[in-house]
Amino acid sequence: MVPRRRRPRFTTAVAIVNAAFAQKHFAGESGLGRRFRTAGLNGQQPGPWRTIVGVVSTVRMLGPFNAPGLDETGYYVPFFSNPAGPVQPAPFVSQFATTVLKPRGGQRADAMATVLRRRVNKADPNLPLYFVGTPKAQLDGFVAQNRIIAAMFSIFGVVAIVLASIGMYGVMSFSVNQRRQEFGVRMALGAHYGRILQMVLRQGAMQLALGLFLGLGFALVVATVAGAGIQNILFGVSARDPLTYGVVIALVTVVSLIATLVPARRATRVDPMIALRAE
C-alpha cells in the first residue's frame, strides 16, 4: 500500500516578495524574516502577519507595454492561501491558476500541451484549460495586432524618408542648375572645386537643419500633449526617448547628405568655358 502524499501545511503564514517590494519597504536592508500583513478588498479585515521567507526578481505582471502608474511591488503566497484579507476557514482555492511546466532535455515545449490536457482530463474532466502554450507563443499572439500597426508605421517611415530624399535631391539639383553660370564664373576666376562643393553642401545643411528643427519640434509637442496615450502603446521606451530621437536625426542626416552630395559633385564638374558661353 502506497501512502498518499500530504498537502504541505505551514504553521505560520509565509510569503515570498519580489525585489520591488523589498526595495520599497526595506530599502537598503534585507527583507528576510520581516513580517507584513494585508487587508481585504474593502480595506478592512486585516489578514495574518506573514513572514518573508524569500526575495525573487521583479517580473512584469500586466502586459508587455509601458505602465507608468503601475505598482510593481508584489508577493507570492502558498497555493492554498488567501492572498489578501483574513485566513479562510477552509483552504482557499483560486478560481484561476497558472501552471508552469519545464520540458526535459530534448523535449519540445509545444508537444507538452497534449500530455497536459490528458493529465488534467484524467484528474477532473470538468476542469477547463485556458491559454495553453509556450510563453513566446502567448506573447506573439498578444502583440500580433500591435506588430502589424508597428510594421505599417515602419513602412510609412521608410516611404517618408525616400520622399524626403527625393525632395532634397530635387531641390538641390534645381539649385545647382540655376547657379550653373555662377559656379562657372567662380571657377574661371580661380575658385577651387572644394569651395564650390562646400557652398552646395552648406546650403543643403541649412535646409536640413531647418527641417529637423521643425520636425523635432512638432514631434516633441505631440509627445508632450499626447504623451500619456503614446506611452501606453510603447514598450521599454518613453515618448521622449533621447536615443530614438538621436537615431532619427542621424538617419535623416545621412540620407540628406547622400541626396545633397550628388548635385554638389555635379556642381564641381561645371566647365567654366561652357558656363561662360551660355552666359
C-alpha atoms as a PDB file:
ATOM      1  CA  MET A   1       0.000   0.000   0.000  1.00  0.00           C
ATOM      2  CA  VAL A   2       1.478   3.321  -1.128  1.00  0.00           C
ATOM      3  CA  PRO A   3       0.903   6.171   1.312  1.00  0.00           C
ATOM      4  CA  ARG A   4      -0.757   9.255  -0.136  1.00  0.00           C
ATOM      5  CA  ARG A   5       1.357  12.390  -0.159  1.00  0.00           C
ATOM      6  CA  ARG A   6       0.036  15.024   2.188  1.00  0.00           C
ATOM      7  CA  ARG A   7      -0.540  18.600   1.201  1.00  0.00           C
ATOM      8  CA  PRO A   8       2.165  20.759   2.838  1.00  0.00           C
ATOM      9  CA  ARG A   9       0.909  22.878   5.717  1.00  0.00           C
ATOM     10  CA  PHE A  10       2.566  25.938   7.170  1.00  0.00           C
ATOM     11  CA  THR A  11       2.400  26.571  10.877  1.00  0.00           C
ATOM     12  CA  THR A  12       2.892  30.287  10.219  1.00  0.00           C
ATOM     13  CA  ALA A  13       1.767  32.482   7.325  1.00  0.00           C
ATOM     14  CA  VAL A  14       4.661  32.968   4.920  1.00  0.00           C
ATOM     15  CA  ALA A  15       5.269  34.867   1.696  1.00  0.00           C
ATOM     16  CA  ILE A  16       7.935  35.440  -0.941  1.00  0.00           C
ATOM     17  CA  VAL A  17       8.268  39.065  -2.039  1.00  0.00           C
ATOM     18  CA  ASN A  18       9.752  40.488  -5.213  1.00  0.00           C
ATOM     19  CA  ALA A  19      12.698  42.863  -5.415  1.00  0.00           C
ATOM     20  CA  ALA A  20      10.458  45.910  -5.907  1.00  0.00           C
ATOM     21  CA  PHE A  21       8.575  45.092  -2.702  1.00  0.00           C
ATOM     22  CA  ALA A  22      11.819  44.688  -0.744  1.00  0.00           C
ATOM     23  CA  GLN A  23      13.268  47.900  -2.188  1.00  0.00           C
ATOM     24  CA  LYS A  24      10.152  49.911  -1.393  1.00  0.00           C
ATOM     25  CA  HIS A  25       9.571  48.733   2.162  1.00  0.00           C
ATOM     26  CA  PHE A  26      13.049  47.632   3.293  1.00  0.00           C
ATOM     27  CA  ALA A  27      15.354  49.854   1.236  1.00  0.00           C
ATOM     28  CA  GLY A  28      18.980  49.055   1.934  1.00  0.00           C
ATOM     29  CA  GLU A  29      18.156  46.206   4.317  1.00  0.00           C
ATOM     30  CA  SER A  30      17.366  42.537   3.949  1.00  0.00           C
ATOM     31  CA  GLY A  31      13.671  41.645   3.914  1.00  0.00           C
ATOM     32  CA  LEU A  32      14.189  38.049   5.007  1.00  0.00           C
ATOM     33  CA  GLY A  33      12.472  37.347   8.284  1.00  0.00           C
ATOM     34  CA  ARG A  34      10.477  40.580   8.183  1.00  0.00           C
ATOM     35  CA  ARG A  35       6.693  40.469   8.527  1.00  0.00           C
ATOM     36  CA  PHE A  36       3.816  42.259   6.850  1.00  0.00           C
ATOM     37  CA  ARG A  37       0.036  41.934   6.718  1.00  0.00           C
ATOM     38  CA  THR A  38      -2.640  42.736   4.147  1.00  0.00           C
ATOM     39  CA  ALA A  39      -6.263  43.787   4.292  1.00  0.00           C
ATOM     40  CA  GLY A  40      -9.340  42.623   2.403  1.00  0.00           C
ATOM     41  CA  LEU A  41     -10.545  44.140  -0.827  1.00  0.00           C
ATOM     42  CA  ASN A  42     -12.702  46.571   1.156  1.00  0.00           C
ATOM     43  CA  GLY A  43      -9.653  47.861   3.021  1.00  0.00           C
ATOM     44  CA  GLN A  44     -10.761  46.190   6.232  1.00  0.00           C
ATOM     45  CA  GLN A  45     -10.468  42.706   7.773  1.00  0.00           C
ATOM     46  CA  PRO A  46      -6.673  42.601   8.089  1.00  0.00           C
ATOM     47  CA  GLY A  47      -5.015  39.284   7.449  1.00  0.00           C
ATOM     48  CA  PRO A  48      -2.360  37.463   9.419  1.00  0.00           C
ATOM     49  CA  TRP A  49       1.205  38.627   9.748  1.00  0.00           C
ATOM     50  CA  ARG A  50       3.215  36.940   7.012  1.00  0.00           C
ATOM     51  CA  THR A  51       6.887  36.135   7.422  1.00  0.00           C
ATOM     52  CA  ILE A  52       9.072  36.800   4.394  1.00  0.00           C
ATOM     53  CA  VAL A  53      10.974  33.624   3.542  1.00  0.00           C
ATOM     54  CA  GLY A  54      12.431  34.682   0.184  1.00  0.00           C
ATOM     55  CA  VAL A  55      13.057  37.529  -2.258  1.00  0.00           C
ATOM     56  CA  VAL A  56      12.796  36.996  -6.016  1.00  0.00           C
ATOM     57  CA  SER A  57      13.371  39.227  -9.011  1.00  0.00           C
ATOM     58  CA  THR A  58      10.611  41.542 -10.200  1.00  0.00           C
ATOM     59  CA  VAL A  59       8.731  40.344 -13.278  1.00  0.00           C
ATOM     60  CA  ARG A  60       6.226  42.167 -15.444  1.00  0.00           C
ATOM     61  CA  MET A  61       2.691  41.345 -14.324  1.00  0.00           C
ATOM     62  CA  LEU A  62       0.414  43.204 -16.744  1.00  0.00           C
ATOM     63  CA  GLY A  63       1.154  43.026 -20.453  1.00  0.00           C
ATOM     64  CA  PRO A  64       4.347  43.865 -22.350  1.00  0.00           C
ATOM     65  CA  PHE A  65       3.633  47.592 -22.703  1.00  0.00           C
ATOM     66  CA  ASN A  66       4.617  50.525 -20.550  1.00  0.00           C
ATOM     67  CA  ALA A  67       2.507  51.119 -17.461  1.00  0.00           C
ATOM     68  CA  PRO A  68       3.833  54.298 -15.802  1.00  0.00           C
ATOM     69  CA  GLY A  69       1.304  54.238 -12.943  1.00  0.00           C
ATOM     70  CA  LEU A  70       1.643  50.532 -12.184  1.00  0.00           C
ATOM     71  CA  ASP A  71       2.995  49.487  -8.809  1.00  0.00           C
ATOM     72  CA  GLU A  72       5.458  46.655  -9.470  1.00  0.00           C
ATOM     73  CA  THR A  73       5.620  45.546  -5.848  1.00  0.00           C
ATOM     74  CA  GLY A  74       4.197  42.080  -5.255  1.00  0.00           C
ATOM     75  CA  TYR A  75       4.425  38.938  -3.217  1.00  0.00           C
ATOM     76  CA  TYR A  76       3.681  35.233  -3.512  1.00  0.00           C
ATOM     77  CA  VAL A  77       1.850  33.031  -1.018  1.00  0.00           C
ATOM     78  CA  PRO A  78       1.300  29.247  -0.877  1.00  0.00           C
ATOM     79  CA  PHE A  79      -1.248  27.929  -3.353  1.00  0.00           C
ATOM     80  CA  PHE A  80      -3.990  27.240  -0.807  1.00  0.00           C
ATOM     81  CA  SER A  81      -3.555  30.565   0.991  1.00  0.00           C
ATOM     82  CA  ASN A  82      -5.755  33.630   0.715  1.00  0.00           C
ATOM     83  CA  PRO A  83      -3.541  36.334  -0.861  1.00  0.00           C
ATOM     84  CA  ALA A  84      -5.365  39.193   0.919  1.00  0.00           C
ATOM     85  CA  GLY A  85      -7.541  39.522   3.963  1.00  0.00           C
ATOM     86  CA  PRO A  86      -8.158  37.160   6.854  1.00  0.00           C
ATOM     87  CA  VAL A  87      -7.465  33.446   6.886  1.00  0.00           C
ATOM     88  CA  GLN A  88     -10.258  31.403   5.326  1.00  0.00           C
ATOM     89  CA  PRO A  89     -11.895  28.686   7.445  1.00  0.00           C
ATOM     90  CA  ALA A  90     -11.241  26.221   4.615  1.00  0.00           C
ATOM     91  CA  PRO A  91      -8.304  26.033   2.212  1.00  0.00           C
ATOM     92  CA  PHE A  92      -8.531  28.906  -0.248  1.00  0.00           C
ATOM     93  CA  VAL A  93      -8.836  27.742  -3.855  1.00  0.00           C
ATOM     94  CA  SER A  94      -8.318  30.360  -6.577  1.00  0.00           C
ATOM     95  CA  GLN A  95     -10.739  30.433  -9.488  1.00  0.00           C
ATOM     96  CA  PHE A  96      -7.843  30.665 -11.921  1.00  0.00           C
ATOM     97  CA  ALA A  97      -4.316  29.342 -11.543  1.00  0.00           C
ATOM     98  CA  THR A  98      -1.232  29.331 -13.746  1.00  0.00           C
ATOM     99  CA  THR A  99       0.836  26.188 -14.053  1.00  0.00           C
ATOM    100  CA  VAL A 100       4.359  26.464 -15.449  1.00  0.00           C
ATOM    101  CA  LEU A 101       5.995  23.340 -16.826  1.00  0.00           C
ATOM    102  CA  LYS A 102       9.609  22.907 -17.913  1.00  0.00           C
ATOM    103  CA  PRO A 103      10.291  20.221 -20.525  1.00  0.00           C
ATOM    104  CA  ARG A 104      13.181  17.847 -20.130  1.00  0.00           C
ATOM    105  CA  GLY A 105      16.182  17.994 -22.389  1.00  0.00           C
ATOM    106  CA  GLY A 106      15.266  17.039 -25.942  1.00  0.00           C
ATOM    107  CA  GLN A 107      11.517  17.530 -25.463  1.00  0.00           C
ATOM    108  CA  ARG A 108       9.557  20.112 -27.445  1.00  0.00           C
ATOM    109  CA  ALA A 109       7.649  22.549 -25.273  1.00  0.00           C
ATOM    110  CA  ASP A 110       4.674  22.798 -27.652  1.00  0.00           C
ATOM    111  CA  ALA A 111       4.296  18.997 -27.615  1.00  0.00           C
ATOM    112  CA  MET A 112       3.516  19.041 -23.892  1.00  0.00           C
ATOM    113  CA  ALA A 113       0.065  20.607 -24.438  1.00  0.00           C
ATOM    114  CA  THR A 114      -1.495  17.268 -25.415  1.00  0.00           C
ATOM    115  CA  VAL A 115       0.036  15.472 -22.455  1.00  0.00           C
ATOM    116  CA  LEU A 116      -1.080  18.242 -20.085  1.00  0.00           C
ATOM    117  CA  ARG A 117      -4.668  18.132 -21.339  1.00  0.00           C
ATOM    118  CA  ARG A 118      -4.726  14.361 -20.982  1.00  0.00           C
ATOM    119  CA  ARG A 119      -3.468  14.520 -17.396  1.00  0.00           C
ATOM    120  CA  VAL A 120      -5.901  17.256 -16.380  1.00  0.00           C
ATOM    121  CA  ASN A 121      -8.824  15.464 -18.020  1.00  0.00           C
ATOM    122  CA  LYS A 122      -7.893  12.315 -16.120  1.00  0.00           C
ATOM    123  CA  ALA A 123      -7.890  14.220 -12.824  1.00  0.00           C
ATOM    124  CA  ASP A 124     -11.047  16.263 -13.488  1.00  0.00           C
ATOM    125  CA  PRO A 125     -12.925  16.081 -16.833  1.00  0.00           C
ATOM    126  CA  ASN A 126     -14.830  19.278 -15.992  1.00  0.00           C
ATOM    127  CA  LEU A 127     -11.707  21.378 -15.408  1.00  0.00           C
ATOM    128  CA  PRO A 128     -11.091  23.644 -18.443  1.00  0.00           C
ATOM    129  CA  LEU A 129      -7.690  24.842 -19.626  1.00  0.00           C
ATOM    130  CA  TYR A 130      -7.046  28.330 -20.976  1.00  0.00           C
ATOM    131  CA  PHE A 131      -4.108  29.794 -22.898  1.00  0.00           C
ATOM    132  CA  VAL A 132      -2.114  26.591 -23.170  1.00  0.00           C
ATOM    133  CA  GLY A 133       1.172  27.241 -24.923  1.00  0.00           C
ATOM    134  CA  THR A 134       4.717  28.500 -24.608  1.00  0.00           C
ATOM    135  CA  PRO A 135       5.384  31.998 -23.271  1.00  0.00           C
ATOM    136  CA  LYS A 136       6.714  33.053 -26.683  1.00  0.00           C
ATOM    137  CA  ALA A 137       3.545  31.861 -28.441  1.00  0.00           C
ATOM    138  CA  GLN A 138       1.349  33.642 -25.904  1.00  0.00           C
ATOM    139  CA  LEU A 139       3.339  36.865 -26.235  1.00  0.00           C
ATOM    140  CA  ASP A 140       3.334  36.703 -30.035  1.00  0.00           C
ATOM    141  CA  GLY A 141      -0.431  36.302 -30.059  1.00  0.00           C
ATOM    142  CA  PHE A 142      -0.895  39.128 -27.571  1.00  0.00           C
ATOM    143  CA  VAL A 143       1.162  41.663 -29.539  1.00  0.00           C
ATOM    144  CA  ALA A 144       0.267  40.451 -33.061  1.00  0.00           C
ATOM    145  CA  GLN A 145      -2.075  43.384 -33.735  1.00  0.00           C
ATOM    146  CA  ASN A 146       0.424  45.897 -32.381  1.00  0.00           C
ATOM    147  CA  ARG A 147       3.182  44.415 -34.511  1.00  0.00           C
ATOM    148  CA  ILE A 148       1.042  44.860 -37.618  1.00  0.00           C
ATOM    149  CA  ILE A 149       0.489  48.504 -36.711  1.00  0.00           C
ATOM    150  CA  ALA A 150       4.208  48.937 -35.979  1.00  0.00           C
ATOM    151  CA  ALA A 151       5.086  47.350 -39.329  1.00  0.00           C
ATOM    152  CA  MET A 152       2.693  49.701 -41.139  1.00  0.00           C
ATOM    153  CA  PHE A 153       4.199  52.750 -39.431  1.00  0.00           C
ATOM    154  CA  SER A 154       7.682  51.445 -40.258  1.00  0.00           C
ATOM    155  CA  ILE A 155       6.703  51.219 -43.924  1.00  0.00           C
ATOM    156  CA  PHE A 156       5.263  54.733 -43.761  1.00  0.00           C
ATOM    157  CA  GLY A 157       8.518  55.921 -42.177  1.00  0.00           C
ATOM    158  CA  VAL A 158      10.621  54.347 -44.935  1.00  0.00           C
ATOM    159  CA  VAL A 159       8.369  55.902 -47.585  1.00  0.00           C
ATOM    160  CA  ALA A 160       8.669  59.279 -45.839  1.00  0.00           C
ATOM    161  CA  ILE A 161      12.479  59.022 -45.817  1.00  0.00           C
ATOM    162  CA  VAL A 162      12.518  58.099 -49.516  1.00  0.00           C
ATOM    163  CA  LEU A 163      10.221  61.008 -50.381  1.00  0.00           C
ATOM    164  CA  ALA A 164      12.306  63.380 -48.274  1.00  0.00           C
ATOM    165  CA  SER A 165      15.465  62.196 -50.024  1.00  0.00           C
ATOM    166  CA  ILE A 166      13.895  62.641 -53.443  1.00  0.00           C
ATOM    167  CA  GLY A 167      12.680  66.095 -52.447  1.00  0.00           C
ATOM    168  CA  MET A 168      16.094  67.093 -51.101  1.00  0.00           C
ATOM    169  CA  TYR A 169      17.785  65.819 -54.251  1.00  0.00           C
ATOM    170  CA  GLY A 170      15.294  67.638 -56.473  1.00  0.00           C
ATOM    171  CA  VAL A 171      15.704  70.941 -54.650  1.00  0.00           C
ATOM    172  CA  MET A 172      19.492  70.755 -54.661  1.00  0.00           C
ATOM    173  CA  SER A 173      19.605  69.665 -58.309  1.00  0.00           C
ATOM    174  CA  PHE A 174      17.365  72.566 -59.305  1.00  0.00           C
ATOM    175  CA  SER A 175      19.514  74.976 -57.259  1.00  0.00           C
ATOM    176  CA  VAL A 176      22.711  73.697 -58.903  1.00  0.00           C
ATOM    177  CA  ASN A 177      21.219  74.119 -62.373  1.00  0.00           C
ATOM    178  CA  GLN A 178      20.081  77.649 -61.516  1.00  0.00           C
ATOM    179  CA  ARG A 179      23.563  78.570 -60.291  1.00  0.00           C
ATOM    180  CA  ARG A 180      25.413  76.797 -63.066  1.00  0.00           C
ATOM    181  CA  GLN A 181      26.722  80.018 -64.626  1.00  0.00           C
ATOM    182  CA  GLU A 182      27.708  81.352 -61.183  1.00  0.00           C
ATOM    183  CA  PHE A 183      29.792  78.283 -60.471  1.00  0.00           C
ATOM    184  CA  GLY A 184      31.404  78.526 -63.916  1.00  0.00           C
ATOM    185  CA  VAL A 185      32.371  82.158 -63.354  1.00  0.00           C
ATOM    186  CA  ARG A 186      33.762  81.381 -59.900  1.00  0.00           C
ATOM    187  CA  MET A 187      35.857  78.528 -61.245  1.00  0.00           C
ATOM    188  CA  ALA A 188      37.022  80.670 -64.182  1.00  0.00           C
ATOM    189  CA  LEU A 189      38.219  83.256 -61.663  1.00  0.00           C
ATOM    190  CA  GLY A 190      40.205  80.620 -59.784  1.00  0.00           C
ATOM    191  CA  ALA A 191      37.769  79.175 -57.258  1.00  0.00           C
ATOM    192  CA  HIS A 192      38.746  75.639 -56.255  1.00  0.00           C
ATOM    193  CA  TYR A 193      36.247  72.830 -56.726  1.00  0.00           C
ATOM    194  CA  GLY A 194      36.346  72.195 -52.978  1.00  0.00           C
ATOM    195  CA  ARG A 195      34.987  75.707 -52.429  1.00  0.00           C
ATOM    196  CA  ILE A 196      32.087  75.044 -54.799  1.00  0.00           C
ATOM    197  CA  LEU A 197      31.383  71.711 -53.082  1.00  0.00           C
ATOM    198  CA  GLN A 198      31.407  73.441 -49.706  1.00  0.00           C
ATOM    199  CA  MET A 199      28.912  76.080 -50.885  1.00  0.00           C
ATOM    200  CA  VAL A 200      26.424  73.483 -52.108  1.00  0.00           C
ATOM    201  CA  LEU A 201      26.771  71.304 -49.007  1.00  0.00           C
ATOM    202  CA  ARG A 202      26.316  74.342 -46.761  1.00  0.00           C
ATOM    203  CA  GLN A 203      23.044  75.151 -48.499  1.00  0.00           C
ATOM    204  CA  GLY A 204      21.852  71.575 -48.034  1.00  0.00           C
ATOM    205  CA  ALA A 205      22.914  71.620 -44.377  1.00  0.00           C
ATOM    206  CA  MET A 206      20.873  74.773 -43.752  1.00  0.00           C
ATOM    207  CA  GLN A 207      17.783  73.177 -45.274  1.00  0.00           C
ATOM    208  CA  LEU A 208      18.389  70.019 -43.257  1.00  0.00           C
ATOM    209  CA  ALA A 209      18.768  71.968 -40.018  1.00  0.00           C
ATOM    210  CA  LEU A 210      15.536  73.858 -40.671  1.00  0.00           C
ATOM    211  CA  GLY A 211      13.663  70.641 -41.445  1.00  0.00           C
ATOM    212  CA  LEU A 212      14.998  68.875 -38.341  1.00  0.00           C
ATOM    213  CA  PHE A 213      14.147  71.856 -36.149  1.00  0.00           C
ATOM    214  CA  LEU A 214      10.540  71.967 -37.376  1.00  0.00           C
ATOM    215  CA  GLY A 215      10.077  68.187 -37.417  1.00  0.00           C
ATOM    216  CA  LEU A 216      11.578  67.502 -33.994  1.00  0.00           C
ATOM    217  CA  GLY A 217       9.756  70.486 -32.521  1.00  0.00           C
ATOM    218  CA  PHE A 218       6.431  69.173 -33.807  1.00  0.00           C
ATOM    219  CA  ALA A 219       7.257  65.640 -32.555  1.00  0.00           C
ATOM    220  CA  LEU A 220       8.099  66.930 -29.078  1.00  0.00           C
ATOM    221  CA  VAL A 221       4.868  68.937 -28.961  1.00  0.00           C
ATOM    222  CA  VAL A 222       2.837  65.853 -29.920  1.00  0.00           C
ATOM    223  CA  ALA A 223       4.754  63.728 -27.381  1.00  0.00           C
ATOM    224  CA  THR A 224       4.022  66.292 -24.679  1.00  0.00           C
ATOM    225  CA  VAL A 225       0.340  66.797 -25.483  1.00  0.00           C
ATOM    226  CA  ALA A 226      -0.487  63.121 -26.133  1.00  0.00           C
ATOM    227  CA  GLY A 227       2.292  61.661 -24.002  1.00  0.00           C
ATOM    228  CA  ALA A 228       0.006  59.523 -21.847  1.00  0.00           C
ATOM    229  CA  GLY A 229      -1.681  57.840 -24.810  1.00  0.00           C
ATOM    230  CA  ILE A 230       1.599  57.289 -26.655  1.00  0.00           C
ATOM    231  CA  GLN A 231       3.317  55.970 -23.538  1.00  0.00           C
ATOM    232  CA  ASN A 232       0.732  53.227 -23.092  1.00  0.00           C
ATOM    233  CA  ILE A 233       1.445  51.674 -26.505  1.00  0.00           C
ATOM    234  CA  LEU A 234       5.236  51.688 -26.202  1.00  0.00           C
ATOM    235  CA  PHE A 235       7.432  49.002 -24.704  1.00  0.00           C
ATOM    236  CA  GLY A 236      10.592  49.781 -22.793  1.00  0.00           C
ATOM    237  CA  VAL A 237      10.934  53.373 -24.047  1.00  0.00           C
ATOM    238  CA  SER A 238       9.305  56.718 -23.376  1.00  0.00           C
ATOM    239  CA  ALA A 239       7.617  59.098 -25.795  1.00  0.00           C
ATOM    240  CA  ARG A 240      10.646  61.418 -25.488  1.00  0.00           C
ATOM    241  CA  ASP A 241      13.372  58.786 -25.586  1.00  0.00           C
ATOM    242  CA  PRO A 242      16.678  60.566 -26.408  1.00  0.00           C
ATOM    243  CA  LEU A 243      18.163  57.517 -28.149  1.00  0.00           C
ATOM    244  CA  THR A 244      15.203  57.255 -30.540  1.00  0.00           C
ATOM    245  CA  TYR A 245      15.396  60.941 -31.459  1.00  0.00           C
ATOM    246  CA  GLY A 246      19.172  60.642 -31.875  1.00  0.00           C
ATOM    247  CA  VAL A 247      18.836  57.680 -34.239  1.00  0.00           C
ATOM    248  CA  VAL A 248      16.220  59.551 -36.305  1.00  0.00           C
ATOM    249  CA  ILE A 249      18.442  62.628 -36.530  1.00  0.00           C
ATOM    250  CA  ALA A 250      21.446  60.525 -37.586  1.00  0.00           C
ATOM    251  CA  LEU A 251      19.420  58.611 -40.199  1.00  0.00           C
ATOM    252  CA  VAL A 252      17.870  61.735 -41.715  1.00  0.00           C
ATOM    253  CA  THR A 253      21.265  63.459 -41.737  1.00  0.00           C
ATOM    254  CA  VAL A 254      22.975  60.582 -43.560  1.00  0.00           C
ATOM    255  CA  VAL A 255      20.168  60.270 -46.112  1.00  0.00           C
ATOM    256  CA  SER A 256      20.099  64.036 -46.716  1.00  0.00           C
ATOM    257  CA  LEU A 257      23.891  64.139 -47.062  1.00  0.00           C
ATOM    258  CA  ILE A 258      23.797  61.444 -49.724  1.00  0.00           C
ATOM    259  CA  ALA A 259      20.935  63.210 -51.525  1.00  0.00           C
ATOM    260  CA  THR A 260      22.882  66.514 -51.444  1.00  0.00           C
ATOM    261  CA  LEU A 261      26.277  65.118 -52.328  1.00  0.00           C
ATOM    262  CA  VAL A 262      25.264  64.012 -55.838  1.00  0.00           C
ATOM    263  CA  PRO A 263      24.200  67.511 -57.040  1.00  0.00           C
ATOM    264  CA  ALA A 264      27.148  69.021 -55.156  1.00  0.00           C
ATOM    265  CA  ARG A 265      29.656  66.836 -57.001  1.00  0.00           C
ATOM    266  CA  ARG A 266      27.959  67.670 -60.287  1.00  0.00           C
ATOM    267  CA  ALA A 267      28.416  71.367 -59.499  1.00  0.00           C
ATOM    268  CA  THR A 268      32.190  70.869 -59.200  1.00  0.00           C
ATOM    269  CA  ARG A 269      32.295  69.411 -62.727  1.00  0.00           C
ATOM    270  CA  VAL A 270      30.899  72.526 -64.395  1.00  0.00           C
ATOM    271  CA  ASP A 271      33.121  73.533 -67.326  1.00  0.00           C
ATOM    272  CA  PRO A 272      33.864  77.284 -66.980  1.00  0.00           C
ATOM    273  CA  MET A 273      34.038  77.778 -70.780  1.00  0.00           C
ATOM    274  CA  ILE A 274      30.624  76.183 -71.338  1.00  0.00           C
ATOM    275  CA  ALA A 275      29.130  78.183 -68.469  1.00  0.00           C
ATOM    276  CA  LEU A 276      30.559  81.484 -69.764  1.00  0.00           C
ATOM    277  CA  ARG A 277      29.475  80.704 -73.339  1.00  0.00           C
ATOM    278  CA  ALA A 278      25.911  80.083 -72.063  1.00  0.00           C
ATOM    279  CA  GLU A 279      26.062  83.385 -70.187  1.00  0.00           C
END
